[in-house]
Amino acid sequence: MKKCLPLLTALTIATAASAQDVSFGERIFQSKADCKFCHGESGDGNGDPQSTGQPENLRISILKRADMIDVIACGRPGTEMPRFDKDAYGARNCYGMSAERLGKDMPPEPLSTTLTPREIEAVVDYVMAIFVIK
């Protein structure tokens, strides 16, 4: 019941995302994309001790939804935040930069798998509804 309570609370205040999208996003965050490995199960940035880099504490994020979609799709150049869109820096314009221009600062591919645009949006809806303190 403890795990269900935050989800129920978030679902009542989540106006932009449907309950189905938030639930779908949770499954991707926790399992498919394995975001919890770096960001932690509760999004506080305290993931697995073996994770690389300095993962963001999603609870204090000031990113807007569209910006968070870009970060997940394109990663963060020069950091360990991977790019989850298979077309990032190719068919998808990421921050107005090409893979050639980024060189060694190119965000890595995910350790798990790439995500579809719908999956990326669902992860963002989950993060915004559950973790981001408004």
Protein backbone atom coordinates (compact mmCIF):
# COMPACT_ATOMS: atom_id res chain seq x y z
CA MET A 1 0.00 0.00 0.00
CA LYS A 2 2.91 2.35 0.70
CA LYS A 3 3.95 2.43 -2.98
CA CYS A 4 0.35 3.00 -4.15
CA LEU A 5 -0.24 6.07 -1.99
CA PRO A 6 2.17 8.45 -3.83
CA LEU A 7 0.85 7.21 -7.16
CA LEU A 8 -2.77 7.81 -6.10
CA THR A 9 -1.92 11.28 -4.81
CA ALA A 10 -0.07 12.15 -7.98
CA LEU A 11 -2.86 10.86 -10.17
CA THR A 12 -5.34 13.17 -8.53
CA ILE A 13 -3.17 16.22 -9.21
CA ALA A 14 -1.85 15.19 -12.63
CA THR A 15 -3.97 17.21 -15.01
CA ALA A 16 -1.88 17.03 -18.19
CA ALA A 17 -1.29 13.28 -18.06
CA SER A 18 -3.81 10.50 -17.92
CA ALA A 19 -3.53 7.82 -15.26
CA GLN A 20 -2.74 5.34 -18.01
CA ASP A 21 0.19 7.46 -19.28
CA VAL A 22 1.60 7.87 -15.77
CA SER A 23 1.37 4.13 -15.10
CA PHE A 24 2.95 3.37 -18.48
CA GLY A 25 5.71 5.89 -17.73
CA GLU A 26 6.39 4.27 -14.36
CA ARG A 27 6.97 0.89 -15.99
CA ILE A 28 9.42 2.43 -18.46
CA PHE A 29 11.23 4.46 -15.76
CA GLN A 30 11.56 1.53 -13.39
CA SER A 31 12.20 -1.29 -15.88
CA LYS A 32 12.59 -0.76 -19.63
CA ALA A 33 14.78 2.36 -19.59
CA ASP A 34 16.12 1.59 -16.11
CA CYS A 35 16.17 5.29 -15.16
CA LYS A 36 16.16 4.21 -11.51
CA PHE A 37 19.71 2.88 -11.93
CA CYS A 38 21.03 6.46 -11.90
CA HIS A 39 18.14 8.58 -10.61
CA GLY A 40 16.95 6.18 -7.91
CA GLU A 41 13.56 4.57 -7.49
CA SER A 42 12.24 7.73 -5.87
CA GLY A 43 13.89 10.10 -8.37
CA ASP A 44 16.16 11.65 -5.75
CA GLY A 45 19.41 11.09 -7.69
CA ASN A 46 20.52 8.32 -5.35
CA GLY A 47 20.64 5.41 -7.74
CA ASP A 48 22.91 2.41 -7.79
CA PRO A 49 26.35 3.22 -6.36
CA GLN A 50 27.86 1.86 -9.59
CA SER A 51 26.04 4.41 -11.76
CA THR A 52 28.26 6.94 -13.44
CA GLY A 53 28.13 10.70 -13.37
CA GLN A 54 26.10 12.96 -11.12
CA PRO A 55 22.44 12.06 -11.74
CA GLU A 56 19.92 14.82 -11.29
CA ASN A 57 17.56 14.87 -8.34
CA LEU A 58 14.29 14.85 -10.27
CA ARG A 59 12.40 16.05 -7.21
CA ILE A 60 13.88 19.54 -7.57
CA SER A 61 13.79 19.77 -11.36
CA ILE A 62 12.76 23.12 -12.79
CA LEU A 63 12.47 21.79 -16.33
CA LYS A 64 9.23 22.23 -18.19
CA ARG A 65 7.66 19.18 -19.85
CA ALA A 66 9.00 19.97 -23.35
CA ASP A 67 12.51 20.55 -22.00
CA MET A 68 12.46 17.26 -20.08
CA ILE A 69 11.34 15.45 -23.26
CA ASP A 70 14.37 16.93 -25.05
CA VAL A 71 16.75 15.86 -22.27
CA ILE A 72 15.50 12.28 -22.32
CA ALA A 73 15.41 12.10 -26.12
CA CYS A 74 18.74 13.86 -26.71
CA GLY A 75 20.65 13.24 -23.51
CA ARG A 76 22.95 15.91 -22.12
CA PRO A 77 26.10 16.66 -24.11
CA GLY A 78 29.28 16.23 -22.10
CA THR A 79 27.56 14.19 -19.36
CA GLU A 80 26.59 10.59 -18.73
CA MET A 81 22.89 11.31 -19.43
CA PRO A 82 22.17 9.04 -22.41
CA ARG A 83 20.15 9.84 -25.50
CA PHE A 84 17.07 7.62 -25.61
CA ASP A 85 15.84 8.65 -29.08
CA LYS A 86 17.46 6.43 -31.71
CA ASP A 87 17.34 9.39 -34.15
CA ALA A 88 18.99 11.87 -31.78
CA TYR A 89 21.58 14.03 -33.56
CA GLY A 90 20.51 12.46 -36.86
CA ALA A 91 16.94 12.86 -38.06
CA ARG A 92 16.03 14.56 -34.77
CA ASN A 93 17.46 18.02 -34.21
CA CYS A 94 18.98 18.05 -30.74
CA TYR A 95 19.96 21.43 -29.35
CA GLY A 96 20.83 22.52 -32.91
CA MET A 97 23.96 20.34 -32.86
CA SER A 98 25.19 17.46 -34.97
CA ALA A 99 27.04 14.35 -33.84
CA GLU A 100 30.11 15.59 -35.71
CA ARG A 101 30.07 18.93 -33.90
CA LEU A 102 29.69 17.27 -30.50
CA GLY A 103 32.53 14.80 -31.00
CA LYS A 104 33.58 13.35 -27.64
CA ASP A 105 30.78 15.28 -25.89
CA MET A 106 28.14 13.21 -27.69
CA PRO A 107 25.70 11.81 -25.12
CA PRO A 108 26.10 8.03 -24.81
CA GLU A 109 23.59 5.48 -26.00
CA PRO A 110 21.45 4.07 -23.19
CA LEU A 111 22.65 0.96 -21.40
CA SER A 112 19.15 -0.47 -21.76
CA THR A 113 17.29 0.40 -24.96
CA THR A 114 16.09 3.38 -26.96
CA LEU A 115 12.54 4.64 -26.48
CA THR A 116 9.77 5.69 -28.82
CA PRO A 117 8.49 9.27 -28.65
CA ARG A 118 5.35 8.00 -26.85
CA GLU A 119 7.47 6.18 -24.28
CA ILE A 120 9.61 9.28 -23.69
CA GLU A 121 6.49 11.39 -23.15
CA ALA A 122 5.08 8.79 -20.75
CA VAL A 123 8.30 8.81 -18.70
CA VAL A 124 8.12 12.60 -18.51
CA ASP A 125 4.47 12.47 -17.45
CA TYR A 126 5.39 10.00 -14.72
CA VAL A 127 8.36 12.06 -13.50
CA MET A 128 6.32 15.28 -13.51
CA ALA A 129 3.37 13.68 -11.70
CA ILE A 130 5.30 11.66 -9.12
CA PHE A 131 8.67 13.28 -8.45
CA VAL A 132 8.68 16.95 -9.38
CA ILE A 133 7.59 19.04 -6.43
CA LYS A 134 5.30 21.79 -7.58
